């Protein structure tokens, strides 16, 4: 099966393949955050659930994670595990150029609102070389992508790695390198099927 139609660009084809791999899936995750303001580890479960947005050109996934985290900062050796949760929206734009983006799931916004009104976290930018090689092969092995988000003066750089066996997404990872006056850390999360 091809990643997308031949008319689609290689990055758009890669975005579509990843979106299909994530749609209505469940994962176990392990996260390690090292740096300032605090080092932590977390583990739990995550799900990507498809839903209808108000405009048909977008395909949307609600990302929800829940689990437990504890501090790894010196002096917190016996730290208790505390509950943790997060929510985002992943959007595949069916318009010209396609593309995948991640949006905040703010409490004051609704899944019923049009995706272009949601607050953008970052676009998932697939490299032309990696996406073109995967698209040419017809069946991706690993797709890589990046993203960036400026939060006040703190810059978040995202690194994505999606591993496929045939058309099936078998595992993926997301790493954020965050630098700025308030934050200086690396967060690495590994996802395995639940």
Protein backbone atom coordinates (compact mmCIF):
# COMPACT_ATOMS: atom_id res chain seq x y z
CA UNK A 1 0.00 0.00 0.00
CA UNK A 2 1.32 3.43 -0.89
CA UNK A 3 1.78 6.16 1.72
CA UNK A 4 -0.48 8.57 -0.18
CA UNK A 5 -1.49 9.46 -3.71
CA UNK A 6 1.36 10.08 -6.19
CA UNK A 7 0.34 13.75 -6.43
CA UNK A 8 1.01 14.28 -2.74
CA UNK A 9 4.37 15.68 -1.68
CA UNK A 10 6.71 13.32 0.17
CA UNK A 11 6.32 15.20 3.51
CA UNK A 12 2.51 15.20 3.12
CA UNK A 13 2.62 11.46 2.34
CA UNK A 14 4.74 10.86 5.46
CA UNK A 15 2.32 12.92 7.57
CA UNK A 16 -0.62 10.89 6.23
CA UNK A 17 1.14 7.58 6.97
CA UNK A 18 1.91 8.62 10.55
CA UNK A 19 -1.66 9.88 11.07
CA UNK A 20 -3.06 6.54 9.86
CA UNK A 21 -0.66 4.72 12.21
CA UNK A 22 -1.78 6.76 15.21
CA UNK A 23 -5.53 6.76 14.49
CA UNK A 24 -7.55 4.96 17.19
CA UNK A 25 -4.45 3.44 18.81
CA UNK A 26 -3.35 2.84 22.40
CA UNK A 27 0.22 2.99 23.72
CA UNK A 28 2.29 2.55 26.86
CA UNK A 29 4.80 5.32 27.44
CA UNK A 30 7.95 5.86 29.48
CA UNK A 31 9.28 9.42 29.84
CA UNK A 32 12.45 10.81 31.30
CA UNK A 33 12.98 14.54 31.83
CA UNK A 34 16.48 15.72 32.73
CA UNK A 35 17.42 19.28 33.58
CA UNK A 36 16.02 22.44 35.04
CA UNK A 37 13.68 23.16 36.74
CA UNK A 38 13.37 19.49 37.74
CA UNK A 39 14.26 15.98 36.58
CA UNK A 40 11.41 13.44 36.58
CA UNK A 41 10.42 10.07 35.23
CA UNK A 42 6.91 9.11 34.19
CA UNK A 43 5.06 6.12 32.82
CA UNK A 44 1.52 5.45 31.79
CA UNK A 45 -0.86 4.96 28.89
CA UNK A 46 -1.76 7.14 25.94
CA UNK A 47 -4.51 6.98 23.34
CA UNK A 48 -5.18 8.66 20.01
CA UNK A 49 -8.92 8.76 19.25
CA UNK A 50 -10.33 10.08 16.00
CA UNK A 51 -13.12 12.64 16.07
CA UNK A 52 -14.96 14.85 13.61
CA UNK A 53 -13.97 18.49 13.42
CA UNK A 54 -16.45 21.09 12.24
CA UNK A 55 -14.78 21.45 8.84
CA UNK A 56 -14.30 18.41 6.63
CA UNK A 57 -10.84 19.30 5.29
CA UNK A 58 -9.23 18.27 8.61
CA UNK A 59 -8.83 14.85 10.15
CA UNK A 60 -8.36 15.02 13.91
CA UNK A 61 -7.05 12.86 16.73
CA UNK A 62 -7.56 13.56 20.43
CA UNK A 63 -4.40 12.58 22.32
CA UNK A 64 -4.85 11.75 26.00
CA UNK A 65 -2.30 10.38 28.40
CA UNK A 66 -2.50 9.42 32.03
CA UNK A 67 0.03 7.88 34.30
CA UNK A 68 2.38 8.44 37.19
CA UNK A 69 5.52 10.53 37.66
CA UNK A 70 8.10 11.06 40.34
CA UNK A 71 10.95 13.46 40.88
CA UNK A 72 14.53 12.41 40.19
CA UNK A 73 16.00 15.66 41.48
CA UNK A 74 18.71 15.27 44.15
CA UNK A 75 17.16 15.10 47.59
CA UNK A 76 13.94 13.54 46.23
CA UNK A 77 15.24 9.94 46.27
CA UNK A 78 12.13 8.66 48.04
CA UNK A 79 9.74 10.82 46.04
CA UNK A 80 6.19 9.56 45.76
CA UNK A 81 4.63 8.72 42.44
CA UNK A 82 2.06 11.40 41.55
CA UNK A 83 -0.68 11.29 38.90
CA UNK A 84 0.05 13.02 35.59
CA UNK A 85 -2.11 13.67 32.54
CA UNK A 86 -1.91 15.57 29.25
CA UNK A 87 -4.17 16.30 26.28
CA UNK A 88 -3.38 17.48 22.75
CA UNK A 89 -5.04 17.46 19.35
CA UNK A 90 -3.23 16.08 16.30
CA UNK A 91 -4.55 17.49 13.02
CA UNK A 92 -3.94 16.27 9.47
CA UNK A 93 -4.71 19.09 7.07
CA UNK A 94 -6.34 17.77 3.92
CA UNK A 95 -5.85 21.08 2.12
CA UNK A 96 -3.14 22.03 -0.35
CA UNK A 97 0.23 20.84 0.91
CA UNK A 98 -1.19 18.65 3.66
CA UNK A 99 0.74 18.42 6.89
CA UNK A 100 0.46 17.36 10.50
CA UNK A 101 0.21 19.74 13.45
CA UNK A 102 -0.15 19.44 17.21
CA UNK A 103 -2.49 21.78 19.09
CA UNK A 104 -3.08 22.43 22.77
CA UNK A 105 -6.34 21.00 24.11
CA UNK A 106 -7.13 24.09 26.15
CA UNK A 107 -10.01 23.87 28.63
CA UNK A 108 -11.73 26.83 26.93
CA UNK A 109 -11.67 25.27 23.43
CA UNK A 110 -13.86 22.47 22.15
CA UNK A 111 -13.33 19.59 19.75
CA UNK A 112 -16.36 21.04 17.93
CA UNK A 113 -14.46 24.27 17.16
CA UNK A 114 -12.70 24.45 13.77
CA UNK A 115 -9.07 23.29 14.04
CA UNK A 116 -7.74 26.58 12.67
CA UNK A 117 -9.06 28.29 15.82
CA UNK A 118 -7.14 25.99 18.19
CA UNK A 119 -3.89 27.19 19.76
CA UNK A 120 -0.97 25.71 17.81
CA UNK A 121 1.79 23.93 19.73
CA UNK A 122 3.86 23.14 16.63
CA UNK A 123 3.83 21.76 13.13
CA UNK A 124 5.37 18.33 12.64
CA UNK A 125 7.84 18.94 9.81
CA UNK A 126 9.00 15.81 7.99
CA UNK A 127 12.37 16.16 6.29
CA UNK A 128 12.14 16.04 2.52
CA UNK A 129 14.95 13.47 2.29
CA UNK A 130 13.55 11.03 4.84
CA UNK A 131 9.98 11.39 3.59
CA UNK A 132 11.02 11.06 -0.06
CA UNK A 133 13.03 7.90 0.64
CA UNK A 134 10.14 6.34 2.57
CA UNK A 135 7.59 7.32 -0.07
CA UNK A 136 9.80 5.95 -2.86
CA UNK A 137 10.10 2.63 -1.03
CA UNK A 138 6.30 2.41 -0.74
CA UNK A 139 6.58 1.14 2.82
CA UNK A 140 8.29 3.27 5.48
CA UNK A 141 10.81 1.87 7.92
CA UNK A 142 11.49 5.00 9.99
CA UNK A 143 10.19 8.52 9.47
CA UNK A 144 11.76 11.45 11.28
CA UNK A 145 10.33 14.88 11.85
CA UNK A 146 10.90 17.99 13.89
CA UNK A 147 8.97 20.91 15.28
CA UNK A 148 9.50 24.12 17.19
CA UNK A 149 7.48 26.20 19.63
CA UNK A 150 8.39 29.45 21.35
CA UNK A 151 6.82 29.78 24.80
CA UNK A 152 7.64 33.29 25.99
CA UNK A 153 11.46 33.19 25.79
CA UNK A 154 11.76 29.39 26.10
CA UNK A 155 12.27 27.49 22.82
CA UNK A 156 10.95 23.93 22.45
CA UNK A 157 12.59 21.83 19.72
CA UNK A 158 10.78 18.57 18.98
CA UNK A 159 12.33 15.43 17.48
CA UNK A 160 9.96 12.67 16.30
CA UNK A 161 10.88 9.14 15.22
CA UNK A 162 8.16 6.85 13.86
CA UNK A 163 9.05 3.19 13.18
CA UNK A 164 6.95 1.08 10.85
CA UNK A 165 6.82 -2.57 9.92
CA UNK A 166 5.10 -2.50 6.55
CA UNK A 167 2.18 -0.09 6.97
CA UNK A 168 1.90 -0.72 10.73
CA UNK A 169 3.32 1.81 13.18
CA UNK A 170 5.18 -0.35 15.71
CA UNK A 171 6.74 2.27 17.99
CA UNK A 172 7.59 5.94 18.13
CA UNK A 173 9.40 8.48 20.26
CA UNK A 174 9.15 12.19 20.93
CA UNK A 175 12.01 14.19 22.43
CA UNK A 176 11.83 17.87 23.37
CA UNK A 177 14.92 19.95 23.95
CA UNK A 178 13.83 23.07 25.83
CA UNK A 179 16.15 26.05 26.33
CA UNK A 180 15.52 29.50 27.74
CA UNK A 181 15.64 31.66 30.83
CA UNK A 182 13.02 29.62 32.73
CA UNK A 183 13.72 26.12 31.40
CA UNK A 184 16.71 24.02 30.39
CA UNK A 185 15.83 20.35 29.97
CA UNK A 186 15.42 17.39 27.64
CA UNK A 187 12.25 15.30 27.74
CA UNK A 188 12.36 11.90 25.99
CA UNK A 189 9.27 9.72 25.64
CA UNK A 190 9.17 6.19 24.18
CA UNK A 191 5.85 4.72 23.04
CA UNK A 192 5.14 0.98 22.65
CA UNK A 193 1.78 -0.59 21.71
CA UNK A 194 -0.49 -1.22 24.69
